[in-house]
Amino acid sequence: MRLPSLKPKNVVVILKKAGFVEMRQSGSHLTLTNKAKKKVTVVPLHGKEIKRGLFMAIVKQSGLTTKEFIKLI
């Protein structure tokens, strides 16, 4: 399955659908947390699309599988 290229704002929206809430923002990096799963993930809010390696790291930090994440799009 080919991974979609997403902008950071879209990734934040998807993570919020998965139950994450904004915890804090330091510069251009937004920290989101999911208290039910006890997971924390950081999303850089740069204007560019998120590349595959960083995208996979965010998905892994969130505790979701790639298929679950893509299903929330």
Protein backbone atom coordinates (compact mmCIF):
# COMPACT_ATOMS: atom_id res chain seq x y z
CA MET A 1 0.00 0.00 0.00
CA ARG A 2 1.39 3.38 -1.01
CA LEU A 3 1.45 5.99 1.73
CA PRO A 4 -0.22 9.31 1.00
CA SER A 5 1.74 12.55 1.26
CA LEU A 6 0.07 14.79 3.81
CA LYS A 7 0.52 18.32 5.08
CA PRO A 8 1.14 18.68 8.83
CA LYS A 9 -2.28 20.26 9.45
CA ASN A 10 -3.98 17.20 7.91
CA VAL A 11 -1.94 14.88 10.15
CA VAL A 12 -3.05 16.87 13.22
CA VAL A 13 -6.70 16.58 12.16
CA ILE A 14 -6.34 12.81 11.73
CA LEU A 15 -4.65 12.43 15.12
CA LYS A 16 -7.46 14.43 16.75
CA LYS A 17 -9.97 12.02 15.17
CA ALA A 18 -8.00 9.21 16.82
CA GLY A 19 -8.46 10.79 20.26
CA PHE A 20 -5.37 12.98 20.58
CA VAL A 21 -5.55 16.48 22.06
CA GLU A 22 -3.09 19.37 21.81
CA MET A 23 -0.85 19.45 24.85
CA ARG A 24 1.57 22.26 23.96
CA GLN A 25 3.41 23.94 21.12
CA SER A 26 7.08 24.82 21.15
CA GLY A 27 7.99 26.92 18.14
CA SER A 28 6.81 25.06 15.05
CA HIS A 29 6.39 21.68 16.79
CA LEU A 30 2.99 20.66 18.17
CA THR A 31 2.83 18.02 20.91
CA LEU A 32 -0.32 15.90 21.03
CA THR A 33 -1.27 13.39 23.70
CA ASN A 34 -3.80 10.57 24.04
CA LYS A 35 -4.42 9.89 27.72
CA ALA A 36 -6.47 6.75 27.06
CA LYS A 37 -3.58 5.08 25.20
CA LYS A 38 -0.88 6.96 27.17
CA LYS A 39 0.82 8.02 23.93
CA VAL A 40 2.54 11.29 23.03
CA THR A 41 3.52 12.37 19.53
CA VAL A 42 5.12 15.48 18.04
CA VAL A 43 4.14 16.93 14.66
CA PRO A 44 6.33 19.60 13.01
CA LEU A 45 4.11 22.35 11.61
CA HIS A 46 6.31 23.34 8.71
CA GLY A 47 4.64 24.30 5.45
CA LYS A 48 6.00 21.34 3.50
CA GLU A 49 4.49 17.89 3.14
CA ILE A 50 5.64 15.30 5.66
CA LYS A 51 8.08 12.81 4.14
CA ARG A 52 7.67 9.05 4.45
CA GLY A 53 10.19 8.47 7.28
CA LEU A 54 8.75 11.16 9.52
CA PHE A 55 5.21 10.09 8.65
CA MET A 56 5.99 6.52 9.75
CA ALA A 57 7.59 7.79 12.98
CA ILE A 58 4.47 9.83 13.81
CA VAL A 59 2.23 6.82 13.13
CA LYS A 60 4.44 4.61 15.30
CA GLN A 61 4.47 7.16 18.16
CA SER A 62 0.68 7.40 18.02
CA GLY A 63 0.27 3.67 18.60
CA LEU A 64 -1.83 3.25 15.45
CA THR A 65 -1.10 0.95 12.57
CA THR A 66 -0.59 2.44 9.12
CA LYS A 67 -3.91 0.97 7.96
CA GLU A 68 -5.78 2.47 10.95
CA PHE A 69 -4.19 5.86 10.30
CA ILE A 70 -5.05 5.82 6.58
CA LYS A 71 -8.62 4.74 7.40
CA LEU A 72 -9.08 7.99 9.38
CA ILE A 73 -8.25 10.18 6.37
